[in-house]
Protein backbone atom coordinates (compact mmCIF):
# COMPACT_ATOMS: atom_id res chain seq x y z
CA MET A 1 117.22 157.08 83.05
CA LYS A 2 119.81 159.78 83.87
CA LYS A 3 120.62 158.00 87.13
CA VAL A 4 121.20 154.70 85.32
CA ARG A 5 123.55 156.34 82.82
CA ALA A 6 125.38 158.13 85.61
CA LEU A 7 125.78 154.86 87.51
CA LEU A 8 126.99 153.06 84.37
CA ALA A 9 129.48 155.84 83.67
CA LEU A 10 130.74 155.69 87.26
CA ALA A 11 131.09 151.89 87.10
CA ALA A 12 132.99 152.14 83.80
CA ALA A 13 135.33 154.75 85.28
CA MET A 14 136.00 152.58 88.33
CA LEU A 15 136.79 149.59 86.12
CA LEU A 16 139.15 151.68 84.03
CA VAL A 17 141.00 152.96 87.10
CA SER A 18 141.33 149.47 88.59
CA ALA A 19 142.46 148.00 85.26
CA CYS A 20 145.15 150.66 84.92
CA GLY A 21 146.43 149.97 88.40
CA GLY A 22 145.94 153.61 89.38
CA GLY A 23 148.93 155.89 89.81
CA ASP A 24 152.56 155.59 88.92
CA PRO A 25 154.37 152.25 88.86
CA LYS A 26 156.33 151.53 92.04
CA PRO A 27 160.08 150.85 92.07
CA ALA A 28 161.18 147.23 92.11
CA ALA A 29 163.38 145.91 94.89
CA VAL A 30 167.06 145.33 94.10
CA ASN A 31 168.23 141.72 94.31
CA GLU A 32 172.02 141.83 94.54
CA ASP A 33 172.25 138.11 93.74
CA THR A 34 170.62 138.42 90.33
CA ASP A 35 170.29 142.05 89.23
CA LYS A 36 172.74 143.21 86.59
CA CYS A 37 173.04 146.70 85.16
CA ALA A 38 171.16 146.88 81.85
CA ALA A 39 173.97 149.03 80.39
CA CYS A 40 177.28 147.66 81.71
CA ASN A 41 176.22 144.22 83.03
CA MET A 42 177.80 144.85 86.46
CA GLN A 43 176.06 143.79 89.65
CA VAL A 44 173.46 146.28 90.85
CA LYS A 45 174.07 146.89 94.54
CA ASP A 46 171.25 147.74 96.90
CA ASP A 47 172.87 151.09 97.61
CA GLY A 48 172.63 154.83 97.09
CA PHE A 49 173.79 154.61 93.47
CA ALA A 50 171.14 152.19 92.16
CA THR A 51 168.66 153.54 89.61
CA GLN A 52 165.90 152.04 87.55
CA LEU A 53 163.38 152.84 84.90
CA ILE A 54 160.07 151.24 84.11
CA THR A 55 158.80 151.21 80.56
CA ALA A 56 155.26 151.84 79.40
CA ASP A 57 154.87 148.06 78.94
CA LYS A 58 155.99 147.52 82.57
CA ARG A 59 159.50 146.18 81.93
CA VAL A 60 161.99 147.14 84.65
CA PHE A 61 165.60 148.02 83.81
CA LYS A 62 168.05 148.47 86.69
CA PHE A 63 171.40 150.27 86.67
CA ASP A 64 174.38 150.45 89.01
CA ASP A 65 175.08 154.13 88.20
CA ILE A 66 172.81 156.90 86.92
CA GLY A 67 175.26 157.45 84.07
CA CYS A 68 174.55 153.91 82.90
CA MET A 69 170.83 154.70 82.88
CA TYR A 70 171.48 157.73 80.66
CA ALA A 71 173.73 155.70 78.36
CA TRP A 72 171.02 153.04 78.05
CA LYS A 73 168.36 155.66 77.25
CA THR A 74 170.61 157.13 74.55
CA GLU A 75 171.04 153.69 72.98
CA HIS A 76 167.30 152.89 73.18
CA PRO A 77 165.43 156.05 72.13
CA GLU A 78 162.55 153.93 70.81
CA VAL A 79 161.62 152.70 74.31
CA GLU A 80 158.71 154.53 75.92
CA ILE A 81 159.65 155.18 79.53
CA ALA A 82 156.84 155.43 82.07
CA ILE A 83 158.93 156.48 85.08
CA GLU A 84 162.51 156.67 86.33
CA PHE A 85 163.73 156.25 89.89
CA VAL A 86 166.95 157.12 91.67
CA ARG A 87 168.01 156.43 95.22
CA ASP A 88 168.56 159.11 97.81
CA HIS A 89 172.26 158.59 98.50
CA GLU A 90 171.81 158.99 102.26
CA THR A 91 168.54 157.23 103.08
CA LEU A 92 168.39 154.76 100.13
CA GLU A 93 164.77 155.80 99.63
CA TRP A 94 163.53 155.56 96.03
CA VAL A 95 162.74 158.98 94.55
CA LYS A 96 161.18 159.84 91.21
CA ALA A 97 164.15 160.95 89.15
CA ASP A 98 162.45 164.13 87.97
CA ASN A 99 161.84 165.18 91.61
CA ALA A 100 165.40 164.51 92.81
CA PHE A 101 168.46 166.74 92.96
CA TYR A 102 171.94 165.76 91.88
CA ALA A 103 175.47 166.56 93.02
CA TYR A 104 178.16 166.31 90.35
CA ASP A 105 181.91 166.50 90.27
CA PRO A 106 184.32 164.25 88.38
CA SER A 107 186.02 163.46 91.70
CA PHE A 108 182.84 161.99 93.25
CA GLN A 109 183.25 158.23 93.38
CA THR A 110 180.36 156.38 91.74
CA PRO A 111 180.27 152.79 90.46
CA MET A 112 181.04 153.62 86.82
CA ALA A 113 182.87 156.94 87.38
CA TYR A 114 180.14 159.27 86.13
CA GLY A 115 180.42 161.36 89.32
CA VAL A 116 176.68 162.04 89.77
CA VAL A 117 175.08 161.38 93.16
CA SER A 118 171.30 161.67 93.71
CA PHE A 119 169.36 163.12 96.64
CA ARG A 120 165.69 163.52 97.55
CA ASP A 121 166.03 167.28 98.15
CA LYS A 122 168.17 170.21 97.15
CA SER A 123 169.52 170.88 100.65
CA SER A 124 170.96 167.35 100.88
CA ALA A 125 172.68 167.74 97.50
CA GLU A 126 174.05 171.13 98.55
CA ALA A 127 175.35 169.66 101.83
CA TYR A 128 177.11 166.88 99.90
CA VAL A 129 178.82 169.39 97.61
CA SER A 130 179.71 171.61 100.56
CA GLY A 131 181.09 168.65 102.51
CA HIS A 132 183.36 167.70 99.61
CA GLY A 133 184.39 171.30 98.93
CA THR A 134 183.68 170.88 95.22
CA GLY A 135 180.90 170.15 92.77
CA VAL A 136 177.65 171.55 91.46
CA VAL A 137 174.01 170.85 92.23
CA MET A 138 171.60 170.12 89.38
CA ASP A 139 167.90 169.44 89.07
CA TRP A 140 166.40 166.94 86.59
CA ALA A 141 166.23 169.43 83.69
CA GLN A 142 169.86 170.46 84.17
CA LEU A 143 170.90 166.82 84.44
CA GLY A 144 169.33 166.22 81.03
CA ASN A 145 171.90 168.63 79.55
CA HIS A 146 174.82 167.02 81.38
CA THR A 147 177.66 165.66 79.20
CA TRP A 148 177.86 162.21 80.89
CA GLU A 149 181.57 161.76 80.54
CA ARG A 150 183.23 159.20 82.76
CA SER A 151 186.00 160.42 85.01
CA THR A 152 189.53 159.28 84.34
CA GLN A 153 190.04 159.39 88.12
CA GLY A 154 188.27 156.06 88.32
CA GLY A 155 185.00 154.79 89.58
CA MET A 156 184.25 152.20 92.15
CA HIS A 157 184.91 149.50 89.56
CA GLY A 158 188.43 150.75 88.97
CA GLY A 159 190.61 153.25 87.15
CA ASP A 160 188.68 153.18 83.89
CA GLY A 161 185.36 152.48 85.54
CA MET A 162 185.57 148.86 84.44
CA HIS A 163 188.85 147.29 85.59
CA GLY A 164 191.83 147.89 87.82
CA ASP A 165 192.16 148.85 91.44
CA SER A 166 189.33 150.21 93.53
CA GLY A 167 189.92 153.85 92.60
CA MET A 168 188.56 154.85 96.01
CA ARG A 169 189.80 157.91 97.84
CA GLY A 170 189.16 158.87 101.42
CA GLY A 171 186.94 156.02 102.50
CA GLY A 172 184.80 153.26 101.25
CA MET A 173 181.90 152.85 98.94
CA HIS A 174 179.76 155.62 100.40
CA GLY A 175 182.63 157.77 101.67
CA ASP A 176 181.46 156.97 105.19
CA GLY A 177 184.52 155.17 106.46
CA ASP A 178 183.92 151.67 105.08
CA ASP A 179 187.16 149.89 104.30
CA ASP A 180 188.65 149.75 100.81
CA ALA A 181 188.09 145.99 100.65
CA HIS A 182 184.35 146.65 100.72
CA ALA A 183 184.75 149.09 97.84
CA GLU A 184 186.82 146.62 95.80
CA ASP A 185 184.19 143.92 96.31
CA ALA A 186 181.34 146.32 95.54
CA HIS A 187 180.70 145.07 92.03
CA MET A 188 183.21 142.28 91.44
CA GLU A 189 180.47 139.80 90.52
CA GLY A 190 180.05 141.69 87.24
CA HIS A 191 183.69 141.02 86.27
CA ALA A 192 183.14 137.24 86.07
């Protein structure tokens, strides 16, 4: 009788695990043709600035800038979030947001001028700050206390983060030598 109960308990546990899908939800792919930022309605590029969160009821919300994700969370405190993902700025690999490290400076060019760039490890974030000669490195807890002000120096969408010229300095969208035309076109679909 003990063996039967043990087998029934094991079967029930296996059904529960398979019904729950086992493990954390996986990040959704970015579709540049259709994905719009849940906060600012700009096009979400398949780049190192894209972020997303998945709710407890499995809805996916994508953002073109991590600052937009924080703004959305502030406006929707009632939503139960299961997991948040950011992109490693260099490899474009999805990383759990609470495991990532962040480089911040108001001069860092990001789509909506929040100046926060995400990385899979601390050494990559430190190298980014060192390479720019300015900025600070934060972990997830420190990022939670960040003020989330948009830079007046302009984001990749323009001078106020929404309109105007490209606002780019010293290179293109990733600061890797792309031309300014690429930066200007980065999120123009969202202006329509």
